[in-house]
Amino acid sequence: MLINFYNYPTILEARKFEFEFLAIPDDTHHWMKFSNGVKVSEATADFLKRKLIP
C-alpha cells in the first residue's frame, strides 16, 4: 500500500496514534548526514522516554 508522505499525520491522528514529526530540510533518508542522524536518534529516544516511562 502506497501512502503519500504528507498524509501520514492525518492517518495517524485518525487512528489515535501519538507521534511527533521531525522534518530535516535538504536531507534524505538514504543519504542522511551523520549530524542529522544523531538529531533523529536523540528525538526518537526522547519521545520514547516521555511516552513509555511512567
PDB file of N, CA and C in Angstrom:
ATOM      1  N   MET A   1       0.836  -1.171   0.000  1.00  0.00           N
ATOM      2  CA  MET A   1       0.000   0.000   0.000  1.00  0.00           C
ATOM      3  C   MET A   1       0.885   1.240   0.000  1.00  0.00           C
ATOM      4  N   LEU A   2       0.689   2.105  -0.947  1.00  0.00           N
ATOM      5  CA  LEU A   2       1.467   3.330  -1.061  1.00  0.00           C
ATOM      6  C   LEU A   2       0.697   4.475  -0.409  1.00  0.00           C
ATOM      7  N   ILE A   3       1.339   5.138   0.539  1.00  0.00           N
ATOM      8  CA  ILE A   3       0.706   6.250   1.239  1.00  0.00           C
ATOM      9  C   ILE A   3       1.526   7.504   0.979  1.00  0.00           C
ATOM     10  N   ASN A   4       0.866   8.560   0.602  1.00  0.00           N
ATOM     11  CA  ASN A   4       1.533   9.832   0.381  1.00  0.00           C
ATOM     12  C   ASN A   4       2.166  10.294   1.691  1.00  0.00           C
ATOM     13  N   PHE A   5       3.435  10.659   1.644  1.00  0.00           N
ATOM     14  CA  PHE A   5       4.188  11.098   2.819  1.00  0.00           C
ATOM     15  C   PHE A   5       3.457  12.189   3.597  1.00  0.00           C
ATOM     16  N   TYR A   6       2.829  13.116   2.890  1.00  0.00           N
ATOM     17  CA  TYR A   6       2.177  14.247   3.551  1.00  0.00           C
ATOM     18  C   TYR A   6       0.858  13.866   4.213  1.00  0.00           C
ATOM     19  N   ASN A   7       0.346  12.658   3.981  1.00  0.00           N
ATOM     20  CA  ASN A   7      -0.884  12.207   4.621  1.00  0.00           C
ATOM     21  C   ASN A   7      -0.619  11.482   5.941  1.00  0.00           C
ATOM     22  N   TYR A   8       0.624  11.182   6.255  1.00  0.00           N
ATOM     23  CA  TYR A   8       0.928  10.444   7.475  1.00  0.00           C
ATOM     24  C   TYR A   8       0.313  11.057   8.724  1.00  0.00           C
ATOM     25  N   PRO A   9       0.518  12.352   8.991  1.00  0.00           N
ATOM     26  CA  PRO A   9      -0.072  12.906  10.224  1.00  0.00           C
ATOM     27  C   PRO A   9      -1.585  12.729  10.280  1.00  0.00           C
ATOM     28  N   THR A  10      -2.285  12.932   9.190  1.00  0.00           N
ATOM     29  CA  THR A  10      -3.740  12.793   9.169  1.00  0.00           C
ATOM     30  C   THR A  10      -4.155  11.359   9.461  1.00  0.00           C
ATOM     31  N   ILE A  11      -3.494  10.410   8.840  1.00  0.00           N
ATOM     32  CA  ILE A  11      -3.816   8.996   9.036  1.00  0.00           C
ATOM     33  C   ILE A  11      -3.544   8.593  10.490  1.00  0.00           C
ATOM     34  N   LEU A  12      -2.404   9.008  11.032  1.00  0.00           N
ATOM     35  CA  LEU A  12      -2.063   8.649  12.409  1.00  0.00           C
ATOM     36  C   LEU A  12      -3.002   9.304  13.413  1.00  0.00           C
ATOM     37  N   GLU A  13      -3.353  10.557  13.184  1.00  0.00           N
ATOM     38  CA  GLU A  13      -4.290  11.242  14.083  1.00  0.00           C
ATOM     39  C   GLU A  13      -5.651  10.562  14.068  1.00  0.00           C
ATOM     40  N   ALA A  14      -6.099  10.142  12.909  1.00  0.00           N
ATOM     41  CA  ALA A  14      -7.402   9.482  12.797  1.00  0.00           C
ATOM     42  C   ALA A  14      -7.421   8.165  13.563  1.00  0.00           C
ATOM     43  N   ARG A  15      -6.270   7.525  13.670  1.00  0.00           N
ATOM     44  CA  ARG A  15      -6.188   6.241  14.380  1.00  0.00           C
ATOM     45  C   ARG A  15      -5.751   6.403  15.830  1.00  0.00           C
ATOM     46  N   LYS A  16      -5.650   7.642  16.308  1.00  0.00           N
ATOM     47  CA  LYS A  16      -5.316   7.967  17.704  1.00  0.00           C
ATOM     48  C   LYS A  16      -3.902   7.536  18.099  1.00  0.00           C
ATOM     49  N   PHE A  17      -2.973   7.532  17.145  1.00  0.00           N
ATOM     50  CA  PHE A  17      -1.576   7.257  17.444  1.00  0.00           C
ATOM     51  C   PHE A  17      -0.913   8.541  17.910  1.00  0.00           C
ATOM     52  N   GLU A  18      -0.084   8.448  18.936  1.00  0.00           N
ATOM     53  CA  GLU A  18       0.695   9.603  19.340  1.00  0.00           C
ATOM     54  C   GLU A  18       1.963   9.616  18.504  1.00  0.00           C
ATOM     55  N   PHE A  19       2.312  10.780  17.996  1.00  0.00           N
ATOM     56  CA  PHE A  19       3.500  10.885  17.165  1.00  0.00           C
ATOM     57  C   PHE A  19       4.013  12.315  17.197  1.00  0.00           C
ATOM     58  N   GLU A  20       5.249  12.468  16.794  1.00  0.00           N
ATOM     59  CA  GLU A  20       5.841  13.772  16.563  1.00  0.00           C
ATOM     60  C   GLU A  20       6.491  13.707  15.192  1.00  0.00           C
ATOM     61  N   PHE A  21       6.509  14.811  14.507  1.00  0.00           N
ATOM     62  CA  PHE A  21       7.019  14.871  13.146  1.00  0.00           C
ATOM     63  C   PHE A  21       8.271  15.724  13.143  1.00  0.00           C
ATOM     64  N   LEU A  22       9.373  15.184  12.670  1.00  0.00           N
ATOM     65  CA  LEU A  22      10.638  15.908  12.599  1.00  0.00           C
ATOM     66  C   LEU A  22      11.024  16.024  11.130  1.00  0.00           C
ATOM     67  N   ALA A  23      11.071  17.231  10.631  1.00  0.00           N
ATOM     68  CA  ALA A  23      11.448  17.465   9.234  1.00  0.00           C
ATOM     69  C   ALA A  23      12.859  18.037   9.195  1.00  0.00           C
ATOM     70  N   ILE A  24      13.698  17.452   8.356  1.00  0.00           N
ATOM     71  CA  ILE A  24      15.061  17.944   8.178  1.00  0.00           C
ATOM     72  C   ILE A  24      15.186  18.364   6.714  1.00  0.00           C
ATOM     73  N   PRO A  25      15.188  19.663   6.463  1.00  0.00           N
ATOM     74  CA  PRO A  25      15.257  20.145   5.080  1.00  0.00           C
ATOM     75  C   PRO A  25      16.545  19.713   4.382  1.00  0.00           C
ATOM     76  N   ASP A  26      16.433  19.448   3.109  1.00  0.00           N
ATOM     77  CA  ASP A  26      17.585  19.135   2.254  1.00  0.00           C
ATOM     78  C   ASP A  26      18.376  17.914   2.703  1.00  0.00           C
ATOM     79  N   ASP A  27      17.719  16.954   3.296  1.00  0.00           N
ATOM     80  CA  ASP A  27      18.375  15.704   3.654  1.00  0.00           C
ATOM     81  C   ASP A  27      17.420  14.575   3.313  1.00  0.00           C
ATOM     82  N   THR A  28      17.952  13.406   3.032  1.00  0.00           N
ATOM     83  CA  THR A  28      17.105  12.279   2.661  1.00  0.00           C
ATOM     84  C   THR A  28      17.326  11.113   3.604  1.00  0.00           C
ATOM     85  N   HIS A  29      16.396  10.201   3.589  1.00  0.00           N
ATOM     86  CA  HIS A  29      16.505   9.003   4.428  1.00  0.00           C
ATOM     87  C   HIS A  29      17.721   8.167   4.038  1.00  0.00           C
ATOM     88  N   HIS A  30      18.012   8.081   2.763  1.00  0.00           N
ATOM     89  CA  HIS A  30      19.079   7.197   2.281  1.00  0.00           C
ATOM     90  C   HIS A  30      20.477   7.799   2.426  1.00  0.00           C
ATOM     91  N   TRP A  31      20.585   9.119   2.386  1.00  0.00           N
ATOM     92  CA  TRP A  31      21.898   9.764   2.442  1.00  0.00           C
ATOM     93  C   TRP A  31      21.956  10.801   3.548  1.00  0.00           C
ATOM     94  N   MET A  32      21.445  10.480   4.710  1.00  0.00           N
ATOM     95  CA  MET A  32      21.372  11.432   5.813  1.00  0.00           C
ATOM     96  C   MET A  32      22.774  11.763   6.344  1.00  0.00           C
ATOM     97  N   LYS A  33      23.003  13.039   6.608  1.00  0.00           N
ATOM     98  CA  LYS A  33      24.251  13.460   7.237  1.00  0.00           C
ATOM     99  C   LYS A  33      24.313  12.862   8.638  1.00  0.00           C
ATOM    100  N   PHE A  34      25.521  12.571   9.091  1.00  0.00           N
ATOM    101  CA  PHE A  34      25.684  11.975  10.407  1.00  0.00           C
ATOM    102  C   PHE A  34      25.078  12.860  11.495  1.00  0.00           C
ATOM    103  N   SER A  35      25.313  14.163  11.412  1.00  0.00           N
ATOM    104  CA  SER A  35      24.797  15.078  12.450  1.00  0.00           C
ATOM    105  C   SER A  35      23.269  15.065  12.483  1.00  0.00           C
ATOM    106  N   ASN A  36      22.633  14.921  11.330  1.00  0.00           N
ATOM    107  CA  ASN A  36      21.172  14.842  11.301  1.00  0.00           C
ATOM    108  C   ASN A  36      20.688  13.500  11.844  1.00  0.00           C
ATOM    109  N   GLY A  37      21.442  12.443  11.575  1.00  0.00           N
ATOM    110  CA  GLY A  37      21.093  11.140  12.126  1.00  0.00           C
ATOM    111  C   GLY A  37      21.129  11.150  13.644  1.00  0.00           C
ATOM    112  N   VAL A  38      22.092  11.864  14.212  1.00  0.00           N
ATOM    113  CA  VAL A  38      22.183  11.991  15.669  1.00  0.00           C
ATOM    114  C   VAL A  38      20.956  12.727  16.206  1.00  0.00           C
ATOM    115  N   LYS A  39      20.548  13.809  15.526  1.00  0.00           N
ATOM    116  CA  LYS A  39      19.359  14.560  15.950  1.00  0.00           C
ATOM    117  C   LYS A  39      18.115  13.674  15.925  1.00  0.00           C
ATOM    118  N   VAL A  40      17.984  12.883  14.878  1.00  0.00           N
ATOM    119  CA  VAL A  40      16.827  11.991  14.752  1.00  0.00           C
ATOM    120  C   VAL A  40      16.845  10.949  15.876  1.00  0.00           C
ATOM    121  N   SER A  41      17.992  10.366  16.121  1.00  0.00           N
ATOM    122  CA  SER A  41      18.105   9.351  17.179  1.00  0.00           C
ATOM    123  C   SER A  41      17.792   9.943  18.542  1.00  0.00           C
ATOM    124  N   GLU A  42      18.291  11.144  18.817  1.00  0.00           N
ATOM    125  CA  GLU A  42      18.012  11.788  20.096  1.00  0.00           C
ATOM    126  C   GLU A  42      16.531  12.134  20.235  1.00  0.00           C
ATOM    127  N   ALA A  43      15.928  12.614  19.168  1.00  0.00           N
ATOM    128  CA  ALA A  43      14.498  12.944  19.212  1.00  0.00           C
ATOM    129  C   ALA A  43      13.663  11.680  19.424  1.00  0.00           C
ATOM    130  N   THR A  44      14.057  10.587  18.790  1.00  0.00           N
ATOM    131  CA  THR A  44      13.341   9.320  18.958  1.00  0.00           C
ATOM    132  C   THR A  44      13.457   8.819  20.391  1.00  0.00           C
ATOM    133  N   ALA A  45      14.669   8.851  20.938  1.00  0.00           N
ATOM    134  CA  ALA A  45      14.880   8.402  22.319  1.00  0.00           C
ATOM    135  C   ALA A  45      14.101   9.268  23.300  1.00  0.00           C
ATOM    136  N   ASP A  46      14.096  10.575  23.087  1.00  0.00           N
ATOM    137  CA  ASP A  46      13.362  11.488  23.965  1.00  0.00           C
ATOM    138  C   ASP A  46      11.857  11.195  23.914  1.00  0.00           C
ATOM    139  N   PHE A  47      11.323  10.993  22.722  1.00  0.00           N
ATOM    140  CA  PHE A  47       9.901  10.686  22.566  1.00  0.00           C
ATOM    141  C   PHE A  47       9.553   9.395  23.301  1.00  0.00           C
ATOM    142  N   LEU A  48      10.350   8.353  23.100  1.00  0.00           N
ATOM    143  CA  LEU A  48      10.067   7.067  23.746  1.00  0.00           C
ATOM    144  C   LEU A  48      10.167   7.163  25.267  1.00  0.00           C
ATOM    145  N   LYS A  49      11.145   7.911  25.757  1.00  0.00           N
ATOM    146  CA  LYS A  49      11.258   8.091  27.213  1.00  0.00           C
ATOM    147  C   LYS A  49      10.021   8.781  27.771  1.00  0.00           C
ATOM    148  N   ARG A  50       9.550   9.819  27.091  1.00  0.00           N
ATOM    149  CA  ARG A  50       8.388  10.563  27.580  1.00  0.00           C
ATOM    150  C   ARG A  50       7.103   9.731  27.510  1.00  0.00           C
ATOM    151  N   LYS A  51       7.004   8.853  26.531  1.00  0.00           N
ATOM    152  CA  LYS A  51       5.758   8.110  26.330  1.00  0.00           C
ATOM    153  C   LYS A  51       5.730   6.752  27.031  1.00  0.00           C
ATOM    154  N   LEU A  52       6.896   6.145  27.243  1.00  0.00           N
ATOM    155  CA  LEU A  52       6.923   4.784  27.776  1.00  0.00           C
ATOM    156  C   LEU A  52       7.316   4.677  29.238  1.00  0.00           C
ATOM    157  N   ILE A  53       8.048   5.659  29.743  1.00  0.00           N
ATOM    158  CA  ILE A  53       8.498   5.594  31.135  1.00  0.00           C
ATOM    159  C   ILE A  53       7.532   6.397  32.005  1.00  0.00           C
ATOM    160  N   PRO A  54       6.903   5.729  32.973  1.00  0.00           N
ATOM    161  CA  PRO A  54       5.917   6.434  33.833  1.00  0.00           C
ATOM    162  C   PRO A  54       6.561   7.459  34.750  1.00  0.00           C
TER     163      PRO A  54
END
